[in-house]
Amino acid sequence: MKKMLIALALAGAATPATMAAAQQLPPAVIVTVDRQTMIADSAAAKAAQTELKPKADALQARLGQLRTSLQAEEKTLRDTAPQQNAAPAAVQAWQTKVRDFETRRGQADQEIQRRQQEIQLAEQWVVKQINDGAQPIISAIMRERGANIAVDEQVTIQHSAAVDITKDVIARLDKALPRVSTTPPAPPAAPAAAPATPPRD
């Protein structure tokens, strides 16, 4: 009961200045943008997808080729494994083949991972360029509609279709940014290590 009285007293202690400041806040005018649709349906994303598709197809073909050849070689190694009473030279020769196979399988894994990473970095670079290009367009539409908040449609529970500006953003984005680069910039070079200071006598 005592805490309730204190809370009521504090609530009633609002000064006129505080009330005036609260009244000066503009009403929230919200627009929504479906960023996922904005990116996927943009002309820039579709052009980039067309450009990256041969790389993705080549990766899948290479993956299939490596899988087929490595599986066949692995089967051959299993089928030709020396028996317990085999000569040491035969065992050593088979073990050498196994080590060589494991080395090449590791190299194949590294190749696939490297090519997958190249495609992923390219896709991330495409998305970043589209997002960056959409920001001034969203800002312009907000000014036109008198909006002061823009939210991603994916985080809303319900909203009126009248506040969705996704199609308008895509239409303007396609004119302003019809294509983007699929080659991400090179990472910054690592700073050169400082020369070691010779020990003092």
C-alpha atoms as a PDB file:
ATOM      1  CA  MET A   1       0.000   0.000   0.000  1.00  0.00           C
ATOM      2  CA  LYS A   2       2.824   2.370   0.912  1.00  0.00           C
ATOM      3  CA  LYS A   3       4.592   1.702  -2.418  1.00  0.00           C
ATOM      4  CA  MET A   4       1.370   2.392  -4.297  1.00  0.00           C
ATOM      5  CA  LEU A   5       0.966   5.753  -2.568  1.00  0.00           C
ATOM      6  CA  ILE A   6       4.568   6.690  -3.413  1.00  0.00           C
ATOM      7  CA  ALA A   7       4.035   5.759  -7.064  1.00  0.00           C
ATOM      8  CA  LEU A   8       0.855   7.831  -7.221  1.00  0.00           C
ATOM      9  CA  ALA A   9       2.656  10.774  -5.629  1.00  0.00           C
ATOM     10  CA  LEU A  10       5.482  10.590  -8.173  1.00  0.00           C
ATOM     11  CA  ALA A  11       3.044  10.310 -11.049  1.00  0.00           C
ATOM     12  CA  GLY A  12       1.253  13.405  -9.844  1.00  0.00           C
ATOM     13  CA  ALA A  13       4.489  15.342  -9.536  1.00  0.00           C
ATOM     14  CA  ALA A  14       4.919  15.891 -13.272  1.00  0.00           C
ATOM     15  CA  THR A  15       5.862  19.487 -13.909  1.00  0.00           C
ATOM     16  CA  PRO A  16       4.298  21.649 -16.613  1.00  0.00           C
ATOM     17  CA  ALA A  17       7.656  21.650 -18.422  1.00  0.00           C
ATOM     18  CA  THR A  18       7.708  17.852 -18.525  1.00  0.00           C
ATOM     19  CA  MET A  19       4.166  17.731 -19.834  1.00  0.00           C
ATOM     20  CA  ALA A  20       4.953  20.338 -22.491  1.00  0.00           C
ATOM     21  CA  ALA A  21       8.011  18.365 -23.662  1.00  0.00           C
ATOM     22  CA  ALA A  22       5.907  15.240 -23.974  1.00  0.00           C
ATOM     23  CA  GLN A  23       3.308  17.092 -25.990  1.00  0.00           C
ATOM     24  CA  GLN A  24       5.974  18.375 -28.398  1.00  0.00           C
ATOM     25  CA  LEU A  25       6.870  14.866 -29.600  1.00  0.00           C
ATOM     26  CA  PRO A  26       5.502  14.341 -33.116  1.00  0.00           C
ATOM     27  CA  PRO A  27       3.014  11.534 -33.643  1.00  0.00           C
ATOM     28  CA  ALA A  28       4.516   8.365 -35.056  1.00  0.00           C
ATOM     29  CA  VAL A  29       3.913   8.007 -38.791  1.00  0.00           C
ATOM     30  CA  ILE A  30       5.142   4.602 -39.919  1.00  0.00           C
ATOM     31  CA  VAL A  31       5.909   3.042 -43.287  1.00  0.00           C
ATOM     32  CA  THR A  32       6.935  -0.569 -43.822  1.00  0.00           C
ATOM     33  CA  VAL A  33       9.375  -2.115 -46.267  1.00  0.00           C
ATOM     34  CA  ASP A  34       9.705  -5.830 -46.930  1.00  0.00           C
ATOM     35  CA  ARG A  35      13.482  -5.836 -47.270  1.00  0.00           C
ATOM     36  CA  GLN A  36      13.603  -9.471 -48.353  1.00  0.00           C
ATOM     37  CA  THR A  37      11.203  -8.816 -51.233  1.00  0.00           C
ATOM     38  CA  MET A  38      12.888  -5.500 -52.004  1.00  0.00           C
ATOM     39  CA  ILE A  39      16.195  -7.276 -52.562  1.00  0.00           C
ATOM     40  CA  ALA A  40      14.942 -10.446 -54.275  1.00  0.00           C
ATOM     41  CA  ASP A  41      12.603  -8.637 -56.702  1.00  0.00           C
ATOM     42  CA  SER A  42      14.958  -5.817 -57.607  1.00  0.00           C
ATOM     43  CA  ALA A  43      16.415  -5.667 -61.100  1.00  0.00           C
ATOM     44  CA  ALA A  44      19.922  -5.506 -59.626  1.00  0.00           C
ATOM     45  CA  ALA A  45      19.446  -8.757 -57.688  1.00  0.00           C
ATOM     46  CA  LYS A  46      17.994 -10.558 -60.699  1.00  0.00           C
ATOM     47  CA  ALA A  47      20.876  -9.409 -62.906  1.00  0.00           C
ATOM     48  CA  ALA A  48      23.393 -10.482 -60.266  1.00  0.00           C
ATOM     49  CA  GLN A  49      21.711 -13.866 -59.932  1.00  0.00           C
ATOM     50  CA  THR A  50      21.981 -14.389 -63.684  1.00  0.00           C
ATOM     51  CA  GLU A  51      25.653 -13.446 -63.531  1.00  0.00           C
ATOM     52  CA  LEU A  52      26.417 -15.727 -60.585  1.00  0.00           C
ATOM     53  CA  LYS A  53      24.424 -18.726 -61.842  1.00  0.00           C
ATOM     54  CA  PRO A  54      27.207 -20.093 -64.122  1.00  0.00           C
ATOM     55  CA  LYS A  55      29.577 -20.065 -61.147  1.00  0.00           C
ATOM     56  CA  ALA A  56      27.047 -21.908 -58.997  1.00  0.00           C
ATOM     57  CA  ASP A  57      26.381 -24.424 -61.776  1.00  0.00           C
ATOM     58  CA  ALA A  58      30.110 -24.972 -62.283  1.00  0.00           C
ATOM     59  CA  LEU A  59      30.531 -25.547 -58.569  1.00  0.00           C
ATOM     60  CA  GLN A  60      27.785 -28.179 -58.532  1.00  0.00           C
ATOM     61  CA  ALA A  61      29.315 -29.911 -61.548  1.00  0.00           C
ATOM     62  CA  ARG A  62      32.756 -29.904 -59.956  1.00  0.00           C
ATOM     63  CA  LEU A  63      31.316 -31.220 -56.693  1.00  0.00           C
ATOM     64  CA  GLY A  64      29.634 -34.083 -58.530  1.00  0.00           C
ATOM     65  CA  GLN A  65      32.812 -34.873 -60.437  1.00  0.00           C
ATOM     66  CA  LEU A  66      34.945 -34.971 -57.298  1.00  0.00           C
ATOM     67  CA  ARG A  67      32.404 -37.026 -55.385  1.00  0.00           C
ATOM     68  CA  THR A  68      32.199 -39.630 -58.153  1.00  0.00           C
ATOM     69  CA  SER A  69      35.950 -39.992 -58.639  1.00  0.00           C
ATOM     70  CA  LEU A  70      36.790 -40.015 -54.934  1.00  0.00           C
ATOM     71  CA  GLN A  71      34.104 -42.552 -54.095  1.00  0.00           C
ATOM     72  CA  ALA A  72      35.345 -44.841 -56.870  1.00  0.00           C
ATOM     73  CA  GLU A  73      38.934 -44.529 -55.697  1.00  0.00           C
ATOM     74  CA  GLU A  74      37.949 -45.122 -52.077  1.00  0.00           C
ATOM     75  CA  LYS A  75      36.134 -48.310 -53.106  1.00  0.00           C
ATOM     76  CA  THR A  76      39.197 -49.476 -55.017  1.00  0.00           C
ATOM     77  CA  LEU A  77      41.372 -48.922 -51.955  1.00  0.00           C
ATOM     78  CA  ARG A  78      38.981 -50.912 -49.781  1.00  0.00           C
ATOM     79  CA  ASP A  79      38.823 -53.747 -52.308  1.00  0.00           C
ATOM     80  CA  THR A  80      42.608 -53.917 -52.664  1.00  0.00           C
ATOM     81  CA  ALA A  81      43.454 -53.714 -48.971  1.00  0.00           C
ATOM     82  CA  PRO A  82      46.251 -56.218 -48.243  1.00  0.00           C
ATOM     83  CA  GLN A  83      45.519 -59.317 -46.246  1.00  0.00           C
ATOM     84  CA  GLN A  84      47.056 -59.933 -42.838  1.00  0.00           C
ATOM     85  CA  ASN A  85      49.755 -62.164 -44.286  1.00  0.00           C
ATOM     86  CA  ALA A  86      50.655 -59.759 -47.103  1.00  0.00           C
ATOM     87  CA  ALA A  87      54.270 -58.818 -47.692  1.00  0.00           C
ATOM     88  CA  PRO A  88      55.446 -55.672 -45.874  1.00  0.00           C
ATOM     89  CA  ALA A  89      56.255 -54.020 -49.197  1.00  0.00           C
ATOM     90  CA  ALA A  90      52.694 -54.540 -50.422  1.00  0.00           C
ATOM     91  CA  VAL A  91      51.263 -53.147 -47.179  1.00  0.00           C
ATOM     92  CA  GLN A  92      53.543 -50.114 -47.374  1.00  0.00           C
ATOM     93  CA  ALA A  93      52.611 -49.484 -51.010  1.00  0.00           C
ATOM     94  CA  TRP A  94      48.886 -49.628 -50.153  1.00  0.00           C
ATOM     95  CA  GLN A  95      49.340 -47.299 -47.177  1.00  0.00           C
ATOM     96  CA  THR A  96      51.132 -44.829 -49.433  1.00  0.00           C
ATOM     97  CA  LYS A  97      48.138 -44.873 -51.788  1.00  0.00           C
ATOM     98  CA  VAL A  98      45.801 -44.284 -48.830  1.00  0.00           C
ATOM     99  CA  ARG A  99      47.820 -41.291 -47.640  1.00  0.00           C
ATOM    100  CA  ASP A 100      47.880 -39.871 -51.146  1.00  0.00           C
ATOM    101  CA  PHE A 101      44.111 -40.358 -51.403  1.00  0.00           C
ATOM    102  CA  GLU A 102      43.506 -38.621 -48.058  1.00  0.00           C
ATOM    103  CA  THR A 103      45.670 -35.691 -49.154  1.00  0.00           C
ATOM    104  CA  ARG A 104      43.779 -35.249 -52.412  1.00  0.00           C
ATOM    105  CA  ARG A 105      40.418 -35.591 -50.654  1.00  0.00           C
ATOM    106  CA  GLY A 106      41.446 -32.831 -48.254  1.00  0.00           C
ATOM    107  CA  GLN A 107      42.499 -30.654 -51.181  1.00  0.00           C
ATOM    108  CA  ALA A 108      39.152 -31.294 -52.865  1.00  0.00           C
ATOM    109  CA  ASP A 109      37.298 -30.247 -49.702  1.00  0.00           C
ATOM    110  CA  GLN A 110      39.347 -27.054 -49.532  1.00  0.00           C
ATOM    111  CA  GLU A 111      38.637 -26.295 -53.190  1.00  0.00           C
ATOM    112  CA  ILE A 112      34.874 -26.692 -52.735  1.00  0.00           C
ATOM    113  CA  GLN A 113      34.869 -24.590 -49.566  1.00  0.00           C
ATOM    114  CA  ARG A 114      36.879 -21.854 -51.269  1.00  0.00           C
ATOM    115  CA  ARG A 115      34.540 -21.703 -54.258  1.00  0.00           C
ATOM    116  CA  GLN A 116      31.459 -21.759 -52.013  1.00  0.00           C
ATOM    117  CA  GLN A 117      32.889 -18.895 -49.985  1.00  0.00           C
ATOM    118  CA  GLU A 118      33.579 -16.889 -53.150  1.00  0.00           C
ATOM    119  CA  ILE A 119      29.917 -17.191 -54.181  1.00  0.00           C
ATOM    120  CA  GLN A 120      28.678 -16.361 -50.680  1.00  0.00           C
ATOM    121  CA  LEU A 121      30.886 -13.263 -50.490  1.00  0.00           C
ATOM    122  CA  ALA A 122      29.631 -12.171 -53.902  1.00  0.00           C
ATOM    123  CA  GLU A 123      26.001 -12.591 -52.795  1.00  0.00           C
ATOM    124  CA  GLN A 124      26.644 -10.657 -49.576  1.00  0.00           C
ATOM    125  CA  TRP A 125      28.268  -7.857 -51.579  1.00  0.00           C
ATOM    126  CA  VAL A 126      25.256  -7.709 -53.899  1.00  0.00           C
ATOM    127  CA  VAL A 127      22.864  -7.460 -50.938  1.00  0.00           C
ATOM    128  CA  LYS A 128      24.938  -4.707 -49.322  1.00  0.00           C
ATOM    129  CA  GLN A 129      24.951  -2.597 -52.485  1.00  0.00           C
ATOM    130  CA  ILE A 130      21.181  -2.956 -52.892  1.00  0.00           C
ATOM    131  CA  ASN A 131      20.557  -2.128 -49.238  1.00  0.00           C
ATOM    132  CA  ASP A 132      22.822   0.917 -49.433  1.00  0.00           C
ATOM    133  CA  GLY A 133      21.164   2.081 -52.649  1.00  0.00           C
ATOM    134  CA  ALA A 134      17.693   1.713 -51.136  1.00  0.00           C
ATOM    135  CA  GLN A 135      18.366   3.884 -48.091  1.00  0.00           C
ATOM    136  CA  PRO A 136      18.102   7.312 -49.774  1.00  0.00           C
ATOM    137  CA  ILE A 137      15.041   6.108 -51.695  1.00  0.00           C
ATOM    138  CA  ILE A 138      13.316   5.032 -48.480  1.00  0.00           C
ATOM    139  CA  SER A 139      14.229   8.373 -46.909  1.00  0.00           C
ATOM    140  CA  ALA A 140      12.735  10.264 -49.861  1.00  0.00           C
ATOM    141  CA  ILE A 141       9.475   8.305 -49.704  1.00  0.00           C
ATOM    142  CA  MET A 142       9.290   8.888 -45.951  1.00  0.00           C
ATOM    143  CA  ARG A 143       9.559  12.640 -46.502  1.00  0.00           C
ATOM    144  CA  GLU A 144       6.881  12.520 -49.192  1.00  0.00           C
ATOM    145  CA  ARG A 145       4.496  10.671 -46.878  1.00  0.00           C
ATOM    146  CA  GLY A 146       5.391  12.613 -43.770  1.00  0.00           C
ATOM    147  CA  ALA A 147       6.663   9.457 -42.087  1.00  0.00           C
ATOM    148  CA  ASN A 148       9.220   9.494 -39.319  1.00  0.00           C
ATOM    149  CA  ILE A 149       9.668   5.734 -38.840  1.00  0.00           C
ATOM    150  CA  ALA A 150      10.422   2.976 -41.374  1.00  0.00           C
ATOM    151  CA  VAL A 151      10.380  -0.640 -40.220  1.00  0.00           C
ATOM    152  CA  ASP A 152      11.020  -3.962 -41.887  1.00  0.00           C
ATOM    153  CA  GLU A 153       7.709  -5.624 -42.647  1.00  0.00           C
ATOM    154  CA  GLN A 154       9.114  -8.931 -41.398  1.00  0.00           C
ATOM    155  CA  VAL A 155       9.100  -7.647 -37.796  1.00  0.00           C
ATOM    156  CA  THR A 156       5.515  -6.397 -37.837  1.00  0.00           C
ATOM    157  CA  ILE A 157       2.583  -8.415 -36.561  1.00  0.00           C
ATOM    158  CA  GLN A 158      -0.127  -6.574 -38.475  1.00  0.00           C
ATOM    159  CA  HIS A 159      -0.181  -3.480 -40.625  1.00  0.00           C
ATOM    160  CA  SER A 160      -2.341  -1.809 -43.221  1.00  0.00           C
ATOM    161  CA  ALA A 161      -1.391  -2.239 -46.865  1.00  0.00           C
ATOM    162  CA  ALA A 162      -1.488   1.550 -47.168  1.00  0.00           C
ATOM    163  CA  VAL A 163       1.736   1.900 -45.167  1.00  0.00           C
ATOM    164  CA  ASP A 164       3.678  -0.648 -47.257  1.00  0.00           C
ATOM    165  CA  ILE A 165       6.065   1.183 -49.609  1.00  0.00           C
ATOM    166  CA  THR A 166       7.949  -1.895 -50.865  1.00  0.00           C
ATOM    167  CA  LYS A 167       6.708  -1.725 -54.465  1.00  0.00           C
ATOM    168  CA  ASP A 168       7.445   1.989 -54.666  1.00  0.00           C
ATOM    169  CA  VAL A 169      10.952   1.415 -53.333  1.00  0.00           C
ATOM    170  CA  ILE A 170      11.608  -1.372 -55.873  1.00  0.00           C
ATOM    171  CA  ALA A 171      10.315   0.750 -58.775  1.00  0.00           C
ATOM    172  CA  ARG A 172      12.633   3.644 -57.896  1.00  0.00           C
ATOM    173  CA  LEU A 173      15.517   1.333 -57.044  1.00  0.00           C
ATOM    174  CA  ASP A 174      15.326  -0.341 -60.450  1.00  0.00           C
ATOM    175  CA  LYS A 175      15.744   3.054 -62.110  1.00  0.00           C
ATOM    176  CA  ALA A 176      18.484   4.303 -59.805  1.00  0.00           C
ATOM    177  CA  LEU A 177      20.425   1.032 -59.470  1.00  0.00           C
ATOM    178  CA  PRO A 178      19.586  -1.441 -62.252  1.00  0.00           C
ATOM    179  CA  ARG A 179      22.835  -3.374 -61.805  1.00  0.00           C
ATOM    180  CA  VAL A 180      25.447  -3.908 -59.116  1.00  0.00           C
ATOM    181  CA  SER A 181      28.882  -5.476 -59.050  1.00  0.00           C
ATOM    182  CA  THR A 182      29.223  -9.158 -58.191  1.00  0.00           C
ATOM    183  CA  THR A 183      32.929  -8.798 -57.416  1.00  0.00           C
ATOM    184  CA  PRO A 184      33.444  -7.873 -53.774  1.00  0.00           C
ATOM    185  CA  PRO A 185      36.294  -5.514 -52.974  1.00  0.00           C
ATOM    186  CA  ALA A 186      39.556  -7.079 -51.925  1.00  0.00           C
ATOM    187  CA  PRO A 187      40.039  -7.239 -48.165  1.00  0.00           C
ATOM    188  CA  PRO A 188      42.392  -4.617 -46.758  1.00  0.00           C
ATOM    189  CA  ALA A 189      46.003  -5.680 -46.661  1.00  0.00           C
ATOM    190  CA  ALA A 190      47.298  -6.692 -43.277  1.00  0.00           C
ATOM    191  CA  PRO A 191      49.631  -4.098 -41.767  1.00  0.00           C
ATOM    192  CA  ALA A 192      53.278  -4.915 -42.137  1.00  0.00           C
ATOM    193  CA  ALA A 193      54.887  -6.252 -39.015  1.00  0.00           C
ATOM    194  CA  ALA A 194      57.195  -3.825 -37.303  1.00  0.00           C
ATOM    195  CA  PRO A 195      60.867  -4.791 -37.552  1.00  0.00           C
ATOM    196  CA  ALA A 196      62.193  -6.468 -34.478  1.00  0.00           C
ATOM    197  CA  THR A 197      64.213  -4.206 -32.241  1.00  0.00           C
ATOM    198  CA  PRO A 198      67.700  -5.609 -31.746  1.00  0.00           C
ATOM    199  CA  PRO A 199      68.537  -6.321 -28.127  1.00  0.00           C
ATOM    200  CA  ARG A 200      70.647  -3.744 -26.380  1.00  0.00           C
ATOM    201  CA  ASP A 201      73.910  -4.707 -24.843  1.00  0.00           C
END
